Amino acid sequence: MIEADILITNGTILTVDKSDTRIPEGALAIKGDGIVAIGTSVEILGNCRAKKVIDASGCLVMPGLINAHTHAAMTCFRGIADDMELMDWLNNYIFPAESKNVDPELAYWGSLLACAEMIKSGTTTFCDMYIFEDETARAAKEAGMRCLLGEVFFDFPSPNIKSPQEGFRYTRMLFEKWADDPLVNIAVEPHALYTCSRDLLQKSKMLADEYHAPLATHLLENKGELMQLNEKLGKRATRFLEELGLLDERFFAFHCVTMDEEDIRIFADHGCKVVHNPESNMKLASGVAPISSMLDHGICVGLGTDGCASNNNLDMFQEMDTAAKLEKVVRFDPTVMSAATVTRMATCNGAKVLGMENLVGTLETGKKADIIIIDCNKPHLTPMYNEYSHLVYAVNGSDVDTVIINGKLVMENRALLTIDERLCMDRVRTIAERIKKNMGSALA
């Protein structure tokens, strides 16, 4: 007899494993932080008892979603500068707003609000790049969310670090402080090739290798960046990265909109990975990443929302829907980016991108219990012929009823259990008033 802590029964379980196993009237047992049994309700109930039983009748039970690229604290800048081109948005609005306003308070409360938003829409793991990332780590830990995060590096000062050397010291502190934490993981994250020197990139790689950690950056986000890098580097950006020795199975890049076939082959040859951010790319009119070609070349592609200043939400179900439809319309092919493919991008592929495939991304015995339960007793989810189609084309983040991360309930019946969301919203509103005052006429 298995003595479990939590037992989920009577739901349709989508394991998203290699066989895409689907278990109608399924049950799943959790003990500690992991999954200890999975099968039909008849099988599991006959061999398991638990302190808490969750009846998932009429619900889908699946792995938690993985937001593989965001800037959590930028919830504080949601909607601050919309309807403009990437470099104008970044250089004339975002960078100035950050330099005047980002501090540990903003980083903590903005990140905690992001955790509330992500949990309530089914995300259990996120990858973050921003400023004062120790505050984001603290917020994620308090929220009970799994994360991979890194302090952003630039050639120029940020509100937290005044030089690349100071950034490396700060990142070493993050590695040492959060070593062996069950939820918080650290990456090395130089911002982009147009904001980071050759020396900074090489030292970033050395630091990542020292800790055997992921190395991630923004790359080839739009045509303007492509032209700028070609002129600056005198060669294609991917070849430059290859020559510096940055490309390997622990390297992944965000956006990759203007990659061509040679860039894709270079990434594929080195086992590099990509995070697709379709809604942010659309909003900034950056273009459409060649995701179908990447997949055809065997590149592992995850999915991310990007930050709230360029999306403007963190709902991964909405991102899944957009990813599928955008690829179809730009390729003039309704068969590409199937619902099952996109679901895997948001779960098991996202886990692989972040180097967490042995921990999360599928529902299997031995994996960590990062699980969401979706209430399908809704008009817009009735009837249901194909679960994957519903997940991508019909489910909303608000349909997520219950969230378990690392074996702990963090939301039940739509109620957050680890975050005071009202307090969080009030604190971010207060921070927003300070931002408005500091920015003055720039926001008029």
Protein backbone atom coordinates (compact mmCIF):
# COMPACT_ATOMS: atom_id res chain seq x y z
CA MET A 1 0.00 0.00 0.00
CA ILE A 2 1.40 3.39 -1.06
CA GLU A 3 1.12 6.09 1.61
CA ALA A 4 0.80 9.29 -0.40
CA ASP A 5 0.41 12.94 0.54
CA ILE A 6 -1.88 13.90 -2.36
CA LEU A 7 -3.96 11.69 -4.61
CA ILE A 8 -5.59 13.06 -7.78
CA THR A 9 -8.39 10.83 -9.09
CA ASN A 10 -10.93 10.53 -11.92
CA GLY A 11 -9.30 12.99 -14.30
CA THR A 12 -8.11 12.56 -17.87
CA ILE A 13 -4.33 12.46 -17.48
CA LEU A 14 -2.13 13.73 -20.30
CA THR A 15 1.39 12.63 -19.40
CA VAL A 16 3.03 14.30 -22.44
CA ASP A 17 5.63 11.52 -22.25
CA LYS A 18 7.42 10.09 -25.31
CA SER A 19 4.36 7.98 -26.14
CA ASP A 20 1.86 10.79 -25.45
CA THR A 21 0.17 8.47 -22.98
CA ARG A 22 -3.41 9.44 -22.19
CA ILE A 23 -5.18 7.90 -19.19
CA PRO A 24 -8.98 8.37 -19.03
CA GLU A 25 -10.37 8.12 -15.50
CA GLY A 26 -6.78 8.35 -14.34
CA ALA A 27 -5.17 8.80 -10.95
CA LEU A 28 -1.83 10.12 -9.79
CA ALA A 29 -0.19 9.82 -6.37
CA ILE A 30 2.24 12.35 -4.89
CA LYS A 31 4.55 11.79 -1.96
CA GLY A 32 6.91 14.52 -0.87
CA ASP A 33 7.98 16.42 -3.95
CA GLY A 34 7.51 13.63 -6.49
CA ILE A 35 5.12 11.45 -8.43
CA VAL A 36 5.10 7.93 -6.97
CA ALA A 37 2.29 6.29 -8.93
CA ILE A 38 0.24 6.95 -12.05
CA GLY A 39 -2.41 4.85 -13.76
CA THR A 40 -6.16 4.32 -13.86
CA SER A 41 -8.18 5.29 -10.83
CA VAL A 42 -9.12 1.65 -10.31
CA GLU A 43 -5.46 0.61 -10.25
CA ILE A 44 -4.19 3.41 -8.03
CA LEU A 45 -7.08 3.51 -5.56
CA GLY A 46 -6.64 -0.20 -4.93
CA ASN A 47 -3.04 0.31 -3.90
CA CYS A 48 -2.86 3.80 -2.44
CA ARG A 49 -4.23 5.97 0.30
CA ALA A 50 -3.51 9.64 0.83
CA LYS A 51 -3.91 12.45 3.33
CA LYS A 52 -5.61 14.58 0.69
CA VAL A 53 -7.68 13.42 -2.27
CA ILE A 54 -8.54 15.71 -5.19
CA ASP A 55 -11.43 14.60 -7.37
CA ALA A 56 -10.58 15.71 -10.91
CA SER A 57 -13.76 14.46 -12.56
CA GLY A 58 -14.38 16.34 -15.81
CA CYS A 59 -10.88 17.80 -15.68
CA LEU A 60 -7.61 17.48 -17.57
CA VAL A 61 -4.52 16.68 -15.50
CA MET A 62 -1.24 17.59 -17.18
CA PRO A 63 2.32 18.83 -16.55
CA GLY A 64 2.61 22.44 -15.48
CA LEU A 65 3.49 24.86 -18.26
CA ILE A 66 7.04 26.17 -18.65
CA ASN A 67 7.48 29.83 -19.57
CA ALA A 68 10.98 29.62 -21.02
CA HIS A 69 11.57 33.37 -21.40
CA THR A 70 10.26 36.31 -19.44
CA HIS A 71 11.30 39.33 -17.38
CA ALA A 72 9.10 38.83 -14.32
CA ALA A 73 9.57 42.18 -12.58
CA MET A 74 8.47 44.00 -15.73
CA THR A 75 4.88 43.50 -14.62
CA CYS A 76 5.55 46.94 -13.10
CA PHE A 77 5.98 48.31 -16.65
CA ARG A 78 2.95 46.59 -18.20
CA GLY A 79 1.58 48.86 -20.94
CA ILE A 80 4.11 51.64 -20.34
CA ALA A 81 5.22 51.97 -23.97
CA ASP A 82 3.12 50.21 -26.59
CA ASP A 83 2.82 50.36 -30.36
CA MET A 84 6.42 51.08 -31.30
CA GLU A 85 9.42 49.42 -32.94
CA LEU A 86 11.85 47.31 -30.87
CA MET A 87 14.88 49.63 -30.72
CA ASP A 88 12.76 52.75 -30.16
CA TRP A 89 10.82 50.90 -27.45
CA LEU A 90 14.01 49.61 -25.82
CA ASN A 91 16.37 52.60 -26.07
CA ASN A 92 13.93 55.50 -25.64
CA TYR A 93 11.46 54.06 -23.14
CA ILE A 94 12.40 50.80 -21.43
CA PHE A 95 16.07 51.45 -20.67
CA PRO A 96 15.34 54.98 -19.33
CA ALA A 97 12.38 53.72 -17.28
CA GLU A 98 14.54 50.99 -15.79
CA SER A 99 17.46 53.29 -14.98
CA LYS A 100 15.18 55.66 -13.07
CA ASN A 101 12.95 53.16 -11.31
CA VAL A 102 14.26 49.61 -10.92
CA ASP A 103 15.35 48.84 -7.39
CA PRO A 104 15.07 45.81 -5.07
CA GLU A 105 11.51 46.76 -4.07
CA LEU A 106 10.31 46.87 -7.68
CA ALA A 107 12.14 43.64 -8.51
CA TYR A 108 10.59 41.77 -5.57
CA TRP A 109 6.99 42.96 -5.84
CA GLY A 110 6.95 42.93 -9.64
CA SER A 111 8.25 39.36 -9.61
CA LEU A 112 5.78 38.26 -6.95
CA LEU A 113 2.92 39.69 -9.01
CA ALA A 114 4.28 37.81 -12.02
CA CYS A 115 4.32 34.59 -9.99
CA ALA A 116 0.68 35.14 -9.04
CA GLU A 117 -0.26 35.72 -12.68
CA MET A 118 1.71 32.70 -13.90
CA ILE A 119 0.38 30.30 -11.28
CA LYS A 120 -3.19 31.39 -11.97
CA SER A 121 -2.71 30.61 -15.66
CA GLY A 122 -1.01 27.24 -15.21
CA THR A 123 2.71 28.03 -15.36
CA THR A 124 4.81 26.15 -12.82
CA THR A 125 8.34 26.96 -14.08
CA PHE A 126 9.75 30.15 -15.60
CA CYS A 127 13.08 31.33 -16.99
CA ASP A 128 13.90 34.91 -16.08
CA MET A 129 16.44 37.52 -17.14
CA TYR A 130 16.35 40.86 -15.37
CA ILE A 131 17.86 43.15 -12.72
CA PHE A 132 18.19 42.41 -8.98
CA GLU A 133 17.53 38.74 -9.72
CA ASP A 134 18.13 37.74 -6.11
CA GLU A 135 14.85 39.51 -5.37
CA THR A 136 13.14 37.54 -8.14
CA ALA A 137 14.57 34.35 -6.68
CA ARG A 138 13.22 35.32 -3.25
CA ALA A 139 9.78 36.03 -4.70
CA ALA A 140 9.71 32.74 -6.63
CA LYS A 141 10.78 30.80 -3.55
CA GLU A 142 8.05 32.39 -1.43
CA ALA A 143 5.48 31.72 -4.17
CA GLY A 144 6.61 28.11 -4.45
CA MET A 145 7.50 28.42 -8.15
CA ARG A 146 10.30 26.63 -9.95
CA CYS A 147 12.62 28.94 -11.87
CA LEU A 148 15.85 29.36 -13.80
CA LEU A 149 17.11 32.91 -13.59
CA GLY A 150 20.13 35.08 -14.25
CA GLU A 151 21.20 38.68 -13.75
CA VAL A 152 21.31 40.51 -17.06
CA PHE A 153 24.75 41.66 -18.24
CA PHE A 154 25.42 44.75 -20.37
CA ASP A 155 28.58 46.61 -21.40
CA PHE A 156 27.04 49.61 -19.63
CA PRO A 157 25.80 49.94 -16.02
CA SER A 158 22.39 48.68 -14.90
CA PRO A 159 20.56 49.83 -11.75
CA ASN A 160 22.12 46.87 -9.92
CA ILE A 161 25.60 46.34 -11.38
CA LYS A 162 28.02 49.02 -12.55
CA SER A 163 30.41 46.87 -14.58
CA PRO A 164 30.62 43.39 -16.10
CA GLN A 165 33.05 42.39 -13.34
CA GLU A 166 30.49 43.38 -10.72
CA GLY A 167 27.89 41.39 -12.65
CA PHE A 168 30.05 38.27 -12.57
CA ARG A 169 30.54 38.68 -8.80
CA TYR A 170 26.80 39.08 -8.33
CA THR A 171 26.10 35.97 -10.41
CA ARG A 172 28.64 33.97 -8.40
CA MET A 173 26.76 35.08 -5.30
CA LEU A 174 23.53 33.78 -6.85
CA PHE A 175 25.14 30.42 -7.65
CA GLU A 176 26.47 30.04 -4.11
CA LYS A 177 23.36 31.33 -2.31
CA TRP A 178 20.88 29.17 -4.23
CA ALA A 179 23.06 26.07 -4.65
CA ASP A 180 21.01 22.87 -4.25
CA ASP A 181 17.76 24.78 -3.74
CA PRO A 182 14.84 22.57 -4.88
CA LEU A 183 13.15 25.40 -6.79
CA VAL A 184 15.65 28.15 -7.69
CA ASN A 185 18.25 27.50 -10.40
CA ILE A 186 20.79 29.95 -11.81
CA ALA A 187 21.87 30.66 -15.40
CA VAL A 188 24.36 33.08 -16.98
CA GLU A 189 22.53 35.63 -19.15
CA PRO A 190 24.32 38.32 -21.17
CA HIS A 191 21.63 40.52 -22.68
CA ALA A 192 22.42 40.46 -26.43
CA LEU A 193 25.24 40.69 -28.93
CA TYR A 194 24.49 44.38 -29.58
CA THR A 195 24.81 45.26 -25.86
CA CYS A 196 27.66 42.90 -24.92
CA SER A 197 31.30 42.91 -26.00
CA ARG A 198 33.31 39.91 -27.17
CA ASP A 199 35.14 39.90 -23.82
CA LEU A 200 31.90 39.95 -21.82
CA LEU A 201 30.48 37.06 -23.85
CA GLN A 202 33.64 34.96 -23.47
CA LYS A 203 33.77 35.53 -19.71
CA SER A 204 30.05 34.70 -19.48
CA LYS A 205 30.79 31.37 -21.16
CA MET A 206 33.66 30.70 -18.74
CA LEU A 207 31.39 31.37 -15.78
CA ALA A 208 28.64 29.13 -17.16
CA ASP A 209 31.17 26.34 -17.74
CA GLU A 210 32.56 26.71 -14.21
CA TYR A 211 29.12 26.01 -12.73
CA HIS A 212 27.97 23.73 -15.59
CA ALA A 213 25.04 26.12 -15.98
CA PRO A 214 22.91 27.22 -18.93
CA LEU A 215 24.01 30.24 -20.98
CA ALA A 216 21.24 32.27 -22.62
CA THR A 217 20.85 35.50 -24.57
CA HIS A 218 18.54 37.45 -26.88
CA LEU A 219 19.50 36.80 -30.49
CA LEU A 220 18.46 38.03 -33.96
CA GLU A 221 15.19 39.51 -32.79
CA ASN A 222 14.47 41.63 -35.88
CA LYS A 223 15.92 42.79 -39.20
CA GLY A 224 17.39 45.94 -37.67
CA GLU A 225 19.41 43.85 -35.21
CA LEU A 226 20.50 41.52 -38.01
CA MET A 227 21.84 44.45 -40.07
CA GLN A 228 23.50 46.02 -37.02
CA LEU A 229 25.26 42.79 -36.08
CA ASN A 230 26.39 42.06 -39.63
CA GLU A 231 28.05 45.48 -39.73
CA LYS A 232 29.48 45.25 -36.21
CA LEU A 233 30.79 41.68 -36.46
CA GLY A 234 31.62 41.41 -40.14
CA LYS A 235 30.02 37.96 -40.19
CA ARG A 236 26.79 36.23 -39.28
CA ALA A 237 26.00 36.31 -35.56
CA THR A 238 25.76 32.54 -35.21
CA ARG A 239 29.19 32.08 -36.79
CA PHE A 240 30.58 34.70 -34.40
CA LEU A 241 29.13 32.81 -31.43
CA GLU A 242 30.52 29.56 -32.80
CA GLU A 243 34.01 31.03 -33.14
CA LEU A 244 33.85 32.33 -29.57
CA GLY A 245 33.04 28.80 -28.39
CA LEU A 246 29.65 29.71 -26.91
CA LEU A 247 27.54 27.22 -28.84
CA ASP A 248 26.84 23.88 -27.16
CA GLU A 249 23.94 21.92 -25.67
CA ARG A 250 23.70 24.31 -22.69
CA PHE A 251 23.30 27.40 -24.90
CA PHE A 252 19.86 28.69 -25.78
CA ALA A 253 18.63 31.88 -27.40
CA PHE A 254 15.45 33.93 -27.22
CA HIS A 255 13.51 35.05 -30.32
CA CYS A 256 15.80 34.05 -33.26
CA VAL A 257 13.34 35.70 -35.65
CA THR A 258 15.78 36.43 -38.50
CA MET A 259 17.65 33.13 -38.50
CA ASP A 260 18.14 31.66 -41.96
CA GLU A 261 18.86 28.07 -42.97
CA GLU A 262 22.61 28.35 -42.32
CA ASP A 263 22.00 29.81 -38.84
CA ILE A 264 19.60 26.97 -38.11
CA ARG A 265 22.12 24.35 -39.27
CA ILE A 266 24.80 25.89 -37.05
CA PHE A 267 22.48 25.73 -34.03
CA ALA A 268 21.44 22.17 -34.86
CA ASP A 269 25.05 21.03 -35.27
CA HIS A 270 25.92 22.27 -31.77
CA GLY A 271 22.77 21.09 -30.00
CA CYS A 272 21.69 24.67 -29.18
CA LYS A 273 18.10 25.41 -28.27
CA VAL A 274 15.61 28.21 -29.00
CA VAL A 275 12.77 29.91 -27.14
CA HIS A 276 9.92 31.15 -29.36
CA ASN A 277 8.11 34.35 -28.27
CA PRO A 278 5.40 34.87 -30.88
CA GLU A 279 3.18 37.44 -29.16
CA SER A 280 6.05 39.75 -28.24
CA ASN A 281 7.49 39.38 -31.75
CA MET A 282 4.11 40.26 -33.24
CA LYS A 283 3.51 43.24 -30.97
CA LEU A 284 6.91 44.75 -31.76
CA ALA A 285 6.52 43.82 -35.46
CA SER A 286 9.84 41.99 -35.24
CA GLY A 287 8.77 39.25 -37.63
CA VAL A 288 8.04 35.54 -37.43
CA ALA A 289 10.72 33.08 -36.38
CA PRO A 290 11.22 30.09 -38.75
CA ILE A 291 10.06 27.58 -36.17
CA SER A 292 8.98 24.86 -38.61
CA SER A 293 12.46 24.79 -40.12
CA MET A 294 14.05 24.68 -36.67
CA LEU A 295 11.90 21.71 -35.73
CA ASP A 296 12.67 19.99 -39.03
CA HIS A 297 16.39 20.33 -38.24
CA GLY A 298 15.88 18.75 -34.81
CA ILE A 299 16.33 21.90 -32.73
CA CYS A 300 14.54 21.78 -29.39
CA VAL A 301 12.18 24.78 -29.25
CA GLY A 302 10.47 26.00 -26.09
CA LEU A 303 7.87 28.71 -25.67
CA GLY A 304 7.88 31.93 -23.65
CA THR A 305 5.77 35.03 -23.18
CA ASP A 306 8.63 37.55 -22.87
CA GLY A 307 7.97 40.34 -20.37
CA CYS A 308 4.77 42.21 -19.61
CA ALA A 309 6.08 45.38 -21.25
CA SER A 310 6.08 43.68 -24.64
CA ASN A 311 3.31 41.08 -24.52
CA ASN A 312 1.41 42.28 -22.20
CA ASN A 313 0.50 39.21 -20.14
CA LEU A 314 2.06 35.96 -18.94
CA ASP A 315 -0.69 33.56 -20.05
CA MET A 316 1.03 30.59 -21.68
CA PHE A 317 -2.23 29.15 -23.00
CA GLN A 318 -2.69 32.33 -25.03
CA GLU A 319 0.92 32.02 -26.19
CA MET A 320 0.29 28.43 -27.32
CA ASP A 321 -2.75 29.45 -29.34
CA THR A 322 -0.81 32.27 -31.00
CA ALA A 323 2.22 30.08 -31.74
CA ALA A 324 0.10 27.50 -33.55
CA LYS A 325 -1.99 29.94 -35.60
CA LEU A 326 0.84 32.30 -36.51
CA GLU A 327 2.95 29.50 -37.94
CA LYS A 328 0.04 28.22 -40.00
CA VAL A 329 -0.80 31.57 -41.54
CA VAL A 330 2.77 32.61 -42.34
CA ARG A 331 3.56 29.20 -43.90
CA PHE A 332 0.18 28.98 -45.66
CA ASP A 333 -0.08 25.47 -44.25
CA PRO A 334 -2.74 24.46 -41.70
CA THR A 335 -0.93 21.21 -40.91
CA VAL A 336 2.22 22.75 -39.37
CA MET A 337 2.58 23.32 -35.63
CA SER A 338 -0.04 20.83 -34.53
CA ALA A 339 -1.70 21.23 -31.16
CA ALA A 340 0.32 18.33 -29.78
CA THR A 341 3.57 19.91 -31.02
CA VAL A 342 2.78 23.24 -29.38
CA THR A 343 1.76 21.54 -26.12
CA ARG A 344 5.14 19.81 -26.04
CA MET A 345 6.88 23.14 -26.64
CA ALA A 346 5.15 24.50 -23.53
CA THR A 347 5.96 21.43 -21.39
CA CYS A 348 8.59 18.77 -22.08
CA ASN A 349 10.51 20.77 -24.72
CA GLY A 350 10.58 23.79 -22.44
CA ALA A 351 12.02 21.59 -19.70
CA LYS A 352 14.73 20.36 -22.07
CA VAL A 353 15.62 23.92 -23.11
CA LEU A 354 16.16 24.83 -19.45
CA GLY A 355 18.09 21.64 -18.69
CA MET A 356 15.30 20.31 -16.45
CA GLU A 357 14.06 17.40 -18.58
CA ASN A 358 14.95 14.88 -15.86
CA LEU A 359 12.85 16.78 -13.31
CA VAL A 360 9.74 18.20 -14.97
CA GLY A 361 7.84 18.56 -18.24
CA THR A 362 6.05 15.18 -18.20
CA LEU A 363 3.95 13.23 -15.71
CA GLU A 364 5.93 10.09 -14.90
CA THR A 365 6.89 8.26 -11.73
CA GLY A 366 10.13 9.65 -10.39
CA LYS A 367 9.54 13.13 -11.82
CA LYS A 368 8.81 16.14 -9.62
CA ALA A 369 5.14 16.76 -9.00
CA ASP A 370 4.58 19.92 -11.07
CA ILE A 371 0.97 19.45 -12.11
CA ILE A 372 -2.00 21.53 -13.21
CA ILE A 373 -5.67 20.60 -13.24
CA ILE A 374 -7.89 22.24 -15.85
CA ASP A 375 -11.63 22.44 -15.23
CA CYS A 376 -13.32 21.44 -18.48
CA ASN A 377 -16.86 21.83 -17.15
CA LYS A 378 -17.21 25.07 -19.11
CA PRO A 379 -19.35 26.02 -22.11
CA HIS A 380 -16.33 26.93 -24.24
CA LEU A 381 -14.75 23.53 -23.51
CA THR A 382 -17.83 21.47 -24.37
CA PRO A 383 -17.83 19.02 -26.10
CA MET A 384 -14.28 17.63 -26.20
CA TYR A 385 -13.09 15.36 -29.00
CA ASN A 386 -9.35 15.99 -28.74
CA GLU A 387 -7.65 17.15 -25.55
CA TYR A 388 -4.63 18.68 -27.25
CA SER A 389 -6.80 20.72 -29.60
CA HIS A 390 -8.70 22.10 -26.64
CA LEU A 391 -5.50 22.94 -24.76
CA VAL A 392 -4.14 25.03 -27.62
CA TYR A 393 -7.27 26.46 -29.26
CA ALA A 394 -9.90 26.69 -26.52
CA VAL A 395 -8.47 26.65 -22.99
CA ASN A 396 -7.76 29.95 -21.25
CA GLY A 397 -5.43 30.49 -18.31
CA SER A 398 -8.49 31.17 -16.16
CA ASP A 399 -9.63 27.56 -16.70
CA VAL A 400 -6.78 26.31 -14.50
CA ASP A 401 -8.35 25.24 -11.22
CA THR A 402 -5.51 23.71 -9.20
CA VAL A 403 -1.71 23.96 -9.34
CA ILE A 404 0.84 21.75 -7.60
CA ILE A 405 4.57 22.57 -7.71
CA ASN A 406 7.24 20.31 -6.24
CA GLY A 407 4.48 18.34 -4.53
CA LYS A 408 2.97 21.38 -2.81
CA LEU A 409 -0.44 22.88 -3.50
CA VAL A 410 0.05 26.52 -4.50
CA MET A 411 -3.46 27.09 -5.90
CA GLU A 412 -6.69 25.21 -5.22
CA ASN A 413 -10.14 26.04 -6.58
CA ARG A 414 -8.63 29.21 -8.15
CA ALA A 415 -7.42 30.46 -4.74
CA LEU A 416 -3.71 31.20 -4.39
CA LEU A 417 -2.28 29.58 -1.28
CA THR A 418 1.24 31.06 -1.21
CA ILE A 419 0.70 34.67 -2.33
CA ASP A 420 -1.50 37.47 -0.97
CA GLU A 421 -2.51 38.65 -4.42
CA ARG A 422 -4.44 41.71 -3.22
CA LEU A 423 -1.44 42.97 -1.23
CA CYS A 424 0.77 42.26 -4.22
CA MET A 425 -1.42 44.25 -6.60
CA ASP A 426 -1.62 47.15 -4.14
CA ARG A 427 2.17 47.31 -3.81
CA VAL A 428 2.70 47.27 -7.57
CA ARG A 429 0.10 50.01 -8.03
CA THR A 430 2.06 52.14 -5.54
CA ILE A 431 5.28 51.46 -7.45
CA ALA A 432 3.51 52.43 -10.70
CA GLU A 433 2.63 55.82 -9.22
CA ARG A 434 6.32 56.38 -8.49
CA ILE A 435 7.18 55.37 -12.06
CA LYS A 436 4.65 57.84 -13.48
CA LYS A 437 6.10 60.62 -11.35
CA ASN A 438 9.68 59.79 -12.31
CA MET A 439 8.95 59.49 -16.02
CA GLY A 440 6.85 62.67 -16.22
CA SER A 441 6.19 63.89 -19.76
CA ALA A 442 7.72 60.74 -21.31
CA LEU A 443 4.49 58.91 -20.48
CA ALA A 444 2.15 61.68 -21.59
